[in-house]
Amino acid sequence: MENIDLQKIYNLISEYVIEYGLSIVTALLVFVIGKWVCSIVKNVAAKVMVRSKVEATLVDFLSSILYWLLYMMVVIAALGQLGVKTGSFVAVVGAAGLAVGLALQGSLSNFASGVMIMIFRPFKVGHFIDAGGVAGVVKEIQIFNTVLTSGDNKVIFVPNSGITNGSITNFSAMDTRRVDLVFGVGYDDNLDEVKKMIEDVISSDERVLKDPAPTIAVGELGDNSVNFFIRPWTKTEDYWGVYFSLTENLKKASDERGFSIPFPQRDVHIYNEK
C-alpha cells in the first residue's frame, strides 16, 4: 500500500516536472534570448539613426523607447509560455496607455512635433528663425520645447507643437540674402544722377556681392517722392550690417550731391475771425 502511494506521488511529481518544468525552461529561454535580441535591435537602430545624422537627443530617446517596447513584448511572450493568459494583460496595458495618452495629450503633441523637427530639420542650433509667433536664434532643440534667444538676450521656450502648426521662417538657411531698400528722391531731381549715386554707394561696400548683381530701379511714383527699389545681395551674416550701412551712406551721399529726400508736409492756415 505504501509502495503504491509512493509510486503515485512519484508519478504525479514527474508529470508536474515534465509539464511545468518544460514551460519554465522555455519561458526562461524566451526571456533571455528576447532580451538579448532587444539590445541588438536597439544598438542597430541607434547606429542607423546616427548614420542618418539624427539629433543625438532623439537617437537616445527613440532607441530607448524601441528597447522597452520590445522588452514588454518579450515579457508577455515569456508569460504566455507559463500558461498565463496574456490577452487580459495586454488589454489592461492598452487601457492604461490610452488613459495616460489622454492625460498627456498636449505633452505628446509637443513630443511628436519635437520628433518631426529633429527628423526633417527645418532649422538647426544657431539659426535665426521666426516661428511660433516669436523670433530669435535657436539655442537648443529639446523633445518638448525649442529654446530661442531673442535679440535683447531673452531666453524664450517655444512649445514644439506651436512651431510645427504654423509657418517657419529660417533666415539662416541660405548662405546669401537680399537686402531690400526703398530710397525716395524729389520729382525735380535728375533720376540718372540719383541712380549713379546709388551705384557708387553700393559698389563702395565690399560686403555687397557682385553676383547676383544689385537691382536698382524706379519702383514707385509716390505721393511725395520718386522711390527707387534697391536690391543688393550679401552674405547672410552681413545682412544687418549692410542694411544699416547702406541706409546711412545713401543719406550722406544724397546730402553731399544736393538731392532732396521728400517727407510728408502739411500747411496749416489760421484765420482770425472778428
C-alpha atoms as a PDB file:
ATOM      1  CA  MET A   1       0.000   0.000   0.000  1.00  0.00           C
ATOM      2  CA  GLU A   2       2.746   2.346   0.952  1.00  0.00           C
ATOM      3  CA  ASN A   3       4.669   1.390  -2.196  1.00  0.00           C
ATOM      4  CA  ILE A   4       1.565   2.135  -4.302  1.00  0.00           C
ATOM      5  CA  ASP A   5       1.108   5.576  -2.635  1.00  0.00           C
ATOM      6  CA  LEU A   6       4.767   6.461  -3.103  1.00  0.00           C
ATOM      7  CA  GLN A   7       4.580   5.410  -6.688  1.00  0.00           C
ATOM      8  CA  LYS A   8       1.543   7.632  -7.254  1.00  0.00           C
ATOM      9  CA  ILE A   9       3.289  10.575  -5.658  1.00  0.00           C
ATOM     10  CA  TYR A  10       6.381   9.982  -7.749  1.00  0.00           C
ATOM     11  CA  ASN A  11       4.336   9.758 -10.908  1.00  0.00           C
ATOM     12  CA  LEU A  12       2.435  12.920 -10.003  1.00  0.00           C
ATOM     13  CA  ILE A  13       5.649  14.855  -9.353  1.00  0.00           C
ATOM     14  CA  SER A  14       7.136  13.568 -12.568  1.00  0.00           C
ATOM     15  CA  GLU A  15       4.093  14.730 -14.519  1.00  0.00           C
ATOM     16  CA  TYR A  16       4.262  18.214 -12.983  1.00  0.00           C
ATOM     17  CA  VAL A  17       8.004  18.477 -13.605  1.00  0.00           C
ATOM     18  CA  ILE A  18       7.634  17.360 -17.182  1.00  0.00           C
ATOM     19  CA  GLU A  19       4.641  19.613 -17.825  1.00  0.00           C
ATOM     20  CA  TYR A  20       5.622  22.808 -15.975  1.00  0.00           C
ATOM     21  CA  GLY A  21       9.387  22.349 -15.950  1.00  0.00           C
ATOM     22  CA  LEU A  22       9.486  22.425 -19.730  1.00  0.00           C
ATOM     23  CA  SER A  23       7.286  25.522 -19.722  1.00  0.00           C
ATOM     24  CA  ILE A  24       9.544  27.246 -17.184  1.00  0.00           C
ATOM     25  CA  VAL A  25      12.673  26.416 -19.157  1.00  0.00           C
ATOM     26  CA  THR A  26      11.018  27.604 -22.382  1.00  0.00           C
ATOM     27  CA  ALA A  27       9.878  30.811 -20.692  1.00  0.00           C
ATOM     28  CA  LEU A  28      13.382  31.478 -19.381  1.00  0.00           C
ATOM     29  CA  LEU A  29      14.871  30.865 -22.817  1.00  0.00           C
ATOM     30  CA  VAL A  30      12.325  33.193 -24.432  1.00  0.00           C
ATOM     31  CA  PHE A  31      13.099  35.878 -21.855  1.00  0.00           C
ATOM     32  CA  VAL A  32      16.909  35.620 -22.047  1.00  0.00           C
ATOM     33  CA  ILE A  33      17.108  35.344 -25.830  1.00  0.00           C
ATOM     34  CA  GLY A  34      14.428  38.007 -26.300  1.00  0.00           C
ATOM     35  CA  LYS A  35      16.231  40.455 -24.035  1.00  0.00           C
ATOM     36  CA  TRP A  36      19.437  39.841 -25.962  1.00  0.00           C
ATOM     37  CA  VAL A  37      17.648  40.486 -29.271  1.00  0.00           C
ATOM     38  CA  CYS A  38      16.141  43.690 -27.830  1.00  0.00           C
ATOM     39  CA  SER A  39      19.622  45.005 -27.032  1.00  0.00           C
ATOM     40  CA  ILE A  40      20.887  44.149 -30.523  1.00  0.00           C
ATOM     41  CA  VAL A  41      17.902  45.831 -32.204  1.00  0.00           C
ATOM     42  CA  LYS A  42      18.359  48.928 -30.012  1.00  0.00           C
ATOM     43  CA  ASN A  43      22.041  49.232 -30.911  1.00  0.00           C
ATOM     44  CA  VAL A  44      21.405  48.678 -34.622  1.00  0.00           C
ATOM     45  CA  ALA A  45      18.609  51.256 -34.659  1.00  0.00           C
ATOM     46  CA  ALA A  46      20.823  53.775 -32.847  1.00  0.00           C
ATOM     47  CA  LYS A  47      23.663  53.264 -35.363  1.00  0.00           C
ATOM     48  CA  VAL A  48      21.258  53.702 -38.295  1.00  0.00           C
ATOM     49  CA  MET A  49      19.922  56.956 -36.845  1.00  0.00           C
ATOM     50  CA  VAL A  50      23.446  58.240 -36.164  1.00  0.00           C
ATOM     51  CA  ARG A  51      24.433  57.496 -39.777  1.00  0.00           C
ATOM     52  CA  SER A  52      21.290  59.359 -40.880  1.00  0.00           C
ATOM     53  CA  LYS A  53      22.535  62.336 -38.825  1.00  0.00           C
ATOM     54  CA  VAL A  54      19.560  62.332 -36.455  1.00  0.00           C
ATOM     55  CA  GLU A  55      19.988  64.542 -33.385  1.00  0.00           C
ATOM     56  CA  ALA A  56      21.785  62.755 -30.529  1.00  0.00           C
ATOM     57  CA  THR A  57      18.954  63.515 -28.092  1.00  0.00           C
ATOM     58  CA  LEU A  58      16.424  61.911 -30.400  1.00  0.00           C
ATOM     59  CA  VAL A  59      18.668  58.897 -31.030  1.00  0.00           C
ATOM     60  CA  ASP A  60      18.886  58.068 -27.322  1.00  0.00           C
ATOM     61  CA  PHE A  61      15.193  58.690 -26.740  1.00  0.00           C
ATOM     62  CA  LEU A  62      13.857  56.686 -29.691  1.00  0.00           C
ATOM     63  CA  SER A  63      16.259  53.789 -29.198  1.00  0.00           C
ATOM     64  CA  SER A  64      15.229  53.571 -25.538  1.00  0.00           C
ATOM     65  CA  ILE A  65      11.533  53.593 -26.438  1.00  0.00           C
ATOM     66  CA  LEU A  66      12.125  50.869 -29.041  1.00  0.00           C
ATOM     67  CA  TYR A  67      14.016  48.771 -26.479  1.00  0.00           C
ATOM     68  CA  TRP A  68      11.285  48.961 -23.836  1.00  0.00           C
ATOM     69  CA  LEU A  69       8.508  48.228 -26.325  1.00  0.00           C
ATOM     70  CA  LEU A  70      10.333  45.113 -27.494  1.00  0.00           C
ATOM     71  CA  TYR A  71      11.166  44.195 -23.904  1.00  0.00           C
ATOM     72  CA  MET A  72       7.470  44.365 -22.979  1.00  0.00           C
ATOM     73  CA  MET A  73       6.645  42.049 -25.881  1.00  0.00           C
ATOM     74  CA  VAL A  74       9.307  39.587 -24.668  1.00  0.00           C
ATOM     75  CA  VAL A  75       7.868  39.607 -21.135  1.00  0.00           C
ATOM     76  CA  ILE A  76       4.365  38.953 -22.481  1.00  0.00           C
ATOM     77  CA  ALA A  77       5.668  36.103 -24.651  1.00  0.00           C
ATOM     78  CA  ALA A  78       7.501  34.579 -21.660  1.00  0.00           C
ATOM     79  CA  LEU A  79       4.369  34.766 -19.515  1.00  0.00           C
ATOM     80  CA  GLY A  80       2.432  33.070 -22.306  1.00  0.00           C
ATOM     81  CA  GLN A  81       4.837  30.129 -22.150  1.00  0.00           C
ATOM     82  CA  LEU A  82       3.980  29.759 -18.459  1.00  0.00           C
ATOM     83  CA  GLY A  83       0.304  29.473 -19.280  1.00  0.00           C
ATOM     84  CA  VAL A  84      -0.628  32.980 -18.183  1.00  0.00           C
ATOM     85  CA  LYS A  85      -3.499  34.420 -20.196  1.00  0.00           C
ATOM     86  CA  THR A  86      -1.822  37.464 -21.735  1.00  0.00           C
ATOM     87  CA  GLY A  87      -4.915  38.754 -23.553  1.00  0.00           C
ATOM     88  CA  SER A  88      -6.329  40.464 -20.471  1.00  0.00           C
ATOM     89  CA  PHE A  89      -2.870  41.677 -19.501  1.00  0.00           C
ATOM     90  CA  VAL A  90      -2.425  43.329 -22.900  1.00  0.00           C
ATOM     91  CA  ALA A  91      -5.885  44.881 -22.611  1.00  0.00           C
ATOM     92  CA  VAL A  92      -5.041  46.374 -19.212  1.00  0.00           C
ATOM     93  CA  VAL A  93      -1.742  47.753 -20.504  1.00  0.00           C
ATOM     94  CA  GLY A  94      -3.505  49.203 -23.547  1.00  0.00           C
ATOM     95  CA  ALA A  95      -6.210  50.840 -21.426  1.00  0.00           C
ATOM     96  CA  ALA A  96      -3.577  52.321 -19.117  1.00  0.00           C
ATOM     97  CA  GLY A  97      -1.635  53.625 -22.109  1.00  0.00           C
ATOM     98  CA  LEU A  98      -4.790  55.230 -23.522  1.00  0.00           C
ATOM     99  CA  ALA A  99      -5.558  56.930 -20.207  1.00  0.00           C
ATOM    100  CA  VAL A 100      -2.025  58.262 -19.916  1.00  0.00           C
ATOM    101  CA  GLY A 101      -2.144  59.425 -23.533  1.00  0.00           C
ATOM    102  CA  LEU A 102      -5.354  61.390 -22.972  1.00  0.00           C
ATOM    103  CA  ALA A 103      -3.981  62.928 -19.792  1.00  0.00           C
ATOM    104  CA  LEU A 104      -0.762  63.978 -21.547  1.00  0.00           C
ATOM    105  CA  GLN A 105      -2.311  64.955 -24.868  1.00  0.00           C
ATOM    106  CA  GLY A 106      -0.613  68.360 -25.010  1.00  0.00           C
ATOM    107  CA  SER A 107       2.770  66.988 -23.996  1.00  0.00           C
ATOM    108  CA  LEU A 108       2.511  64.146 -26.518  1.00  0.00           C
ATOM    109  CA  SER A 109       1.686  66.683 -29.229  1.00  0.00           C
ATOM    110  CA  ASN A 110       4.819  68.646 -28.331  1.00  0.00           C
ATOM    111  CA  PHE A 111       6.826  65.421 -28.287  1.00  0.00           C
ATOM    112  CA  ALA A 112       5.595  64.377 -31.727  1.00  0.00           C
ATOM    113  CA  SER A 113       6.391  67.849 -33.045  1.00  0.00           C
ATOM    114  CA  GLY A 114       9.865  67.665 -31.487  1.00  0.00           C
ATOM    115  CA  VAL A 115      10.487  64.363 -33.272  1.00  0.00           C
ATOM    116  CA  MET A 116       9.377  65.908 -36.575  1.00  0.00           C
ATOM    117  CA  ILE A 117      11.686  68.906 -36.071  1.00  0.00           C
ATOM    118  CA  MET A 118      14.658  66.654 -35.330  1.00  0.00           C
ATOM    119  CA  ILE A 119      13.955  64.389 -38.310  1.00  0.00           C
ATOM    120  CA  PHE A 120      13.075  66.957 -41.001  1.00  0.00           C
ATOM    121  CA  ARG A 121      15.375  69.702 -39.634  1.00  0.00           C
ATOM    122  CA  PRO A 122      13.666  72.899 -40.786  1.00  0.00           C
ATOM    123  CA  PHE A 123      16.284  74.680 -38.671  1.00  0.00           C
ATOM    124  CA  LYS A 124      19.382  73.944 -36.616  1.00  0.00           C
ATOM    125  CA  VAL A 125      21.029  75.267 -33.484  1.00  0.00           C
ATOM    126  CA  GLY A 126      22.467  78.707 -34.254  1.00  0.00           C
ATOM    127  CA  HIS A 127      19.914  79.579 -36.952  1.00  0.00           C
ATOM    128  CA  PHE A 128      17.860  82.742 -36.691  1.00  0.00           C
ATOM    129  CA  ILE A 129      14.182  81.864 -37.173  1.00  0.00           C
ATOM    130  CA  ASP A 130      10.697  83.293 -36.846  1.00  0.00           C
ATOM    131  CA  ALA A 131       8.337  80.565 -35.631  1.00  0.00           C
ATOM    132  CA  GLY A 132       5.563  80.115 -33.114  1.00  0.00           C
ATOM    133  CA  GLY A 133       4.961  83.871 -33.044  1.00  0.00           C
ATOM    134  CA  VAL A 134       8.475  84.740 -31.842  1.00  0.00           C
ATOM    135  CA  ALA A 135      11.846  85.379 -33.473  1.00  0.00           C
ATOM    136  CA  GLY A 136      15.304  84.546 -32.189  1.00  0.00           C
ATOM    137  CA  VAL A 137      18.425  82.442 -32.512  1.00  0.00           C
ATOM    138  CA  VAL A 138      17.925  78.708 -31.861  1.00  0.00           C
ATOM    139  CA  LYS A 139      19.827  77.832 -28.713  1.00  0.00           C
ATOM    140  CA  GLU A 140      18.599  74.289 -28.123  1.00  0.00           C
ATOM    141  CA  ILE A 141      16.117  71.815 -29.634  1.00  0.00           C
ATOM    142  CA  GLN A 142      14.507  69.765 -26.870  1.00  0.00           C
ATOM    143  CA  ILE A 143      11.962  66.966 -27.024  1.00  0.00           C
ATOM    144  CA  PHE A 144       9.061  69.168 -25.914  1.00  0.00           C
ATOM    145  CA  ASN A 145      10.346  72.720 -26.465  1.00  0.00           C
ATOM    146  CA  THR A 146      12.660  74.743 -28.675  1.00  0.00           C
ATOM    147  CA  VAL A 147      14.767  77.317 -26.829  1.00  0.00           C
ATOM    148  CA  LEU A 148      15.360  80.648 -28.583  1.00  0.00           C
ATOM    149  CA  THR A 149      17.474  83.666 -27.636  1.00  0.00           C
ATOM    150  CA  SER A 150      15.933  86.988 -28.640  1.00  0.00           C
ATOM    151  CA  GLY A 151      17.834  89.989 -29.952  1.00  0.00           C
ATOM    152  CA  ASP A 152      17.836  91.583 -26.494  1.00  0.00           C
ATOM    153  CA  ASN A 153      19.181  88.342 -24.980  1.00  0.00           C
ATOM    154  CA  LYS A 154      15.953  86.966 -23.533  1.00  0.00           C
ATOM    155  CA  VAL A 155      15.528  83.177 -23.413  1.00  0.00           C
ATOM    156  CA  ILE A 156      12.237  82.021 -24.953  1.00  0.00           C
ATOM    157  CA  PHE A 157      10.820  78.497 -24.582  1.00  0.00           C
ATOM    158  CA  VAL A 158       8.502  77.752 -27.503  1.00  0.00           C
ATOM    159  CA  PRO A 159       6.345  74.562 -27.436  1.00  0.00           C
ATOM    160  CA  ASN A 160       7.252  72.429 -30.427  1.00  0.00           C
ATOM    161  CA  SER A 161       3.617  71.996 -31.461  1.00  0.00           C
ATOM    162  CA  GLY A 162       3.320  75.788 -31.734  1.00  0.00           C
ATOM    163  CA  ILE A 163       6.229  75.750 -34.185  1.00  0.00           C
ATOM    164  CA  THR A 164       5.125  72.872 -36.437  1.00  0.00           C
ATOM    165  CA  ASN A 165       1.487  74.015 -36.533  1.00  0.00           C
ATOM    166  CA  GLY A 166       2.466  77.323 -38.134  1.00  0.00           C
ATOM    167  CA  SER A 167       4.852  78.720 -40.703  1.00  0.00           C
ATOM    168  CA  ILE A 168       8.605  78.696 -40.040  1.00  0.00           C
ATOM    169  CA  THR A 169      10.850  81.396 -41.490  1.00  0.00           C
ATOM    170  CA  ASN A 170      14.514  80.439 -41.387  1.00  0.00           C
ATOM    171  CA  PHE A 171      16.710  83.471 -42.052  1.00  0.00           C
ATOM    172  CA  SER A 172      19.942  81.480 -41.747  1.00  0.00           C
ATOM    173  CA  ALA A 173      19.190  78.538 -44.030  1.00  0.00           C
ATOM    174  CA  MET A 174      20.787  80.098 -47.135  1.00  0.00           C
ATOM    175  CA  ASP A 175      24.320  81.432 -47.497  1.00  0.00           C
ATOM    176  CA  THR A 176      23.175  84.703 -49.085  1.00  0.00           C
ATOM    177  CA  ARG A 177      20.306  87.125 -48.559  1.00  0.00           C
ATOM    178  CA  ARG A 178      18.870  90.046 -50.495  1.00  0.00           C
ATOM    179  CA  VAL A 179      18.731  93.437 -48.790  1.00  0.00           C
ATOM    180  CA  ASP A 180      15.520  95.291 -49.713  1.00  0.00           C
ATOM    181  CA  LEU A 181      15.741  99.087 -49.513  1.00  0.00           C
ATOM    182  CA  VAL A 182      13.456 101.880 -50.721  1.00  0.00           C
ATOM    183  CA  PHE A 183      15.094 105.262 -51.344  1.00  0.00           C
ATOM    184  CA  GLY A 184      12.939 108.263 -52.248  1.00  0.00           C
ATOM    185  CA  VAL A 185      14.015 111.461 -54.017  1.00  0.00           C
ATOM    186  CA  GLY A 186      12.172 114.540 -55.166  1.00  0.00           C
ATOM    187  CA  TYR A 187      10.391 114.827 -58.503  1.00  0.00           C
ATOM    188  CA  ASP A 188      12.741 117.647 -59.507  1.00  0.00           C
ATOM    189  CA  ASP A 189      15.920 115.559 -59.042  1.00  0.00           C
ATOM    190  CA  ASN A 190      17.708 114.020 -62.028  1.00  0.00           C
ATOM    191  CA  LEU A 191      16.948 110.296 -61.887  1.00  0.00           C
ATOM    192  CA  ASP A 192      20.050 109.273 -63.848  1.00  0.00           C
ATOM    193  CA  GLU A 193      22.294 111.136 -61.406  1.00  0.00           C
ATOM    194  CA  VAL A 194      20.451 109.645 -58.444  1.00  0.00           C
ATOM    195  CA  LYS A 195      20.877 106.160 -59.888  1.00  0.00           C
ATOM    196  CA  LYS A 196      24.594 106.788 -60.414  1.00  0.00           C
ATOM    197  CA  MET A 197      24.905 107.915 -56.785  1.00  0.00           C
ATOM    198  CA  ILE A 198      23.183 104.738 -55.579  1.00  0.00           C
ATOM    199  CA  GLU A 199      25.516 102.609 -57.715  1.00  0.00           C
ATOM    200  CA  ASP A 200      28.547 104.361 -56.239  1.00  0.00           C
ATOM    201  CA  VAL A 201      27.338 103.832 -52.658  1.00  0.00           C
ATOM    202  CA  ILE A 202      26.655 100.146 -53.270  1.00  0.00           C
ATOM    203  CA  SER A 203      29.932  99.471 -55.082  1.00  0.00           C
ATOM    204  CA  SER A 204      31.901 101.099 -52.252  1.00  0.00           C
ATOM    205  CA  ASP A 205      30.686  98.445 -49.801  1.00  0.00           C
ATOM    206  CA  GLU A 206      32.837  95.320 -50.193  1.00  0.00           C
ATOM    207  CA  ARG A 207      30.248  93.191 -48.428  1.00  0.00           C
ATOM    208  CA  VAL A 208      27.816  93.600 -51.331  1.00  0.00           C
ATOM    209  CA  LEU A 209      28.133  90.683 -53.760  1.00  0.00           C
ATOM    210  CA  LYS A 210      28.867  91.245 -57.437  1.00  0.00           C
ATOM    211  CA  ASP A 211      26.949  88.103 -58.416  1.00  0.00           C
ATOM    212  CA  PRO A 212      23.991  88.278 -58.402  1.00  0.00           C
ATOM    213  CA  ALA A 213      24.207  91.902 -59.455  1.00  0.00           C
ATOM    214  CA  PRO A 214      22.303  94.501 -57.399  1.00  0.00           C
ATOM    215  CA  THR A 215      18.980  95.724 -58.757  1.00  0.00           C
ATOM    216  CA  ILE A 216      18.421  99.488 -58.852  1.00  0.00           C
ATOM    217  CA  ALA A 217      15.149 100.583 -60.421  1.00  0.00           C
ATOM    218  CA  VAL A 218      12.420 103.192 -60.132  1.00  0.00           C
ATOM    219  CA  GLY A 219       9.724 101.159 -58.495  1.00  0.00           C
ATOM    220  CA  GLU A 220       7.087 103.646 -57.485  1.00  0.00           C
ATOM    221  CA  LEU A 221       5.884 107.169 -58.168  1.00  0.00           C
ATOM    222  CA  GLY A 222       4.686 108.074 -54.704  1.00  0.00           C
ATOM    223  CA  ASP A 223       2.619 110.992 -53.456  1.00  0.00           C
ATOM    224  CA  ASN A 224       5.681 112.878 -52.274  1.00  0.00           C
ATOM    225  CA  SER A 225       8.675 111.170 -53.922  1.00  0.00           C
ATOM    226  CA  VAL A 226      10.061 109.011 -56.693  1.00  0.00           C
ATOM    227  CA  ASN A 227      11.011 105.763 -54.969  1.00  0.00           C
ATOM    228  CA  PHE A 228      13.966 103.658 -56.040  1.00  0.00           C
ATOM    229  CA  PHE A 229      13.852  99.955 -55.196  1.00  0.00           C
ATOM    230  CA  ILE A 230      17.382  98.862 -54.251  1.00  0.00           C
ATOM    231  CA  ARG A 231      18.084  95.109 -54.090  1.00  0.00           C
ATOM    232  CA  PRO A 232      21.751  94.228 -53.346  1.00  0.00           C
ATOM    233  CA  TRP A 233      22.837  90.730 -52.253  1.00  0.00           C
ATOM    234  CA  THR A 234      25.177  89.905 -49.394  1.00  0.00           C
ATOM    235  CA  LYS A 235      26.247  87.032 -47.175  1.00  0.00           C
ATOM    236  CA  THR A 236      23.666  86.102 -44.590  1.00  0.00           C
ATOM    237  CA  GLU A 237      25.904  87.023 -41.653  1.00  0.00           C
ATOM    238  CA  ASP A 238      26.470  90.510 -43.157  1.00  0.00           C
ATOM    239  CA  TYR A 239      22.784  91.277 -43.769  1.00  0.00           C
ATOM    240  CA  TRP A 240      22.095  93.767 -40.981  1.00  0.00           C
ATOM    241  CA  GLY A 241      25.490  95.407 -41.271  1.00  0.00           C
ATOM    242  CA  VAL A 242      24.923  96.069 -44.983  1.00  0.00           C
ATOM    243  CA  TYR A 243      21.330  97.188 -44.373  1.00  0.00           C
ATOM    244  CA  PHE A 244      22.257  99.820 -41.794  1.00  0.00           C
ATOM    245  CA  SER A 245      25.416 100.924 -43.588  1.00  0.00           C
ATOM    246  CA  LEU A 246      23.716 101.462 -46.952  1.00  0.00           C
ATOM    247  CA  THR A 247      20.845 103.365 -45.364  1.00  0.00           C
ATOM    248  CA  GLU A 248      23.245 105.758 -43.649  1.00  0.00           C
ATOM    249  CA  ASN A 249      25.582 106.185 -46.639  1.00  0.00           C
ATOM    250  CA  LEU A 250      22.720 106.839 -49.049  1.00  0.00           C
ATOM    251  CA  LYS A 251      21.540 109.688 -46.842  1.00  0.00           C
ATOM    252  CA  LYS A 252      25.057 111.167 -46.588  1.00  0.00           C
ATOM    253  CA  ALA A 253      25.686 110.868 -50.349  1.00  0.00           C
ATOM    254  CA  SER A 254      22.326 112.436 -51.075  1.00  0.00           C
ATOM    255  CA  ASP A 255      23.167 115.404 -48.869  1.00  0.00           C
ATOM    256  CA  GLU A 256      26.589 115.822 -50.499  1.00  0.00           C
ATOM    257  CA  ARG A 257      25.160 115.871 -54.028  1.00  0.00           C
ATOM    258  CA  GLY A 258      22.227 118.090 -53.174  1.00  0.00           C
ATOM    259  CA  PHE A 259      19.420 115.614 -53.770  1.00  0.00           C
ATOM    260  CA  SER A 260      16.252 116.126 -51.793  1.00  0.00           C
ATOM    261  CA  ILE A 261      14.656 113.430 -49.672  1.00  0.00           C
ATOM    262  CA  PRO A 262      10.983 114.399 -49.514  1.00  0.00           C
ATOM    263  CA  PHE A 263       8.836 113.850 -46.489  1.00  0.00           C
ATOM    264  CA  PRO A 264       5.136 114.466 -45.918  1.00  0.00           C
ATOM    265  CA  GLN A 265       4.335 118.099 -45.191  1.00  0.00           C
ATOM    266  CA  ARG A 266       1.161 119.856 -44.203  1.00  0.00           C
ATOM    267  CA  ASP A 267       0.290 123.538 -44.493  1.00  0.00           C
ATOM    268  CA  VAL A 268      -1.861 124.886 -41.678  1.00  0.00           C
ATOM    269  CA  HIS A 269      -3.816 128.095 -42.338  1.00  0.00           C
ATOM    270  CA  ILE A 270      -5.171 130.039 -39.383  1.00  0.00           C
ATOM    271  CA  TYR A 271      -7.916 132.544 -39.865  1.00  0.00           C
ATOM    272  CA  ASN A 272      -8.816 135.112 -37.259  1.00  0.00           C
ATOM    273  CA  GLU A 273     -12.495 135.847 -37.144  1.00  0.00           C
ATOM    274  CA  LYS A 274     -13.518 139.141 -35.639  1.00  0.00           C
END
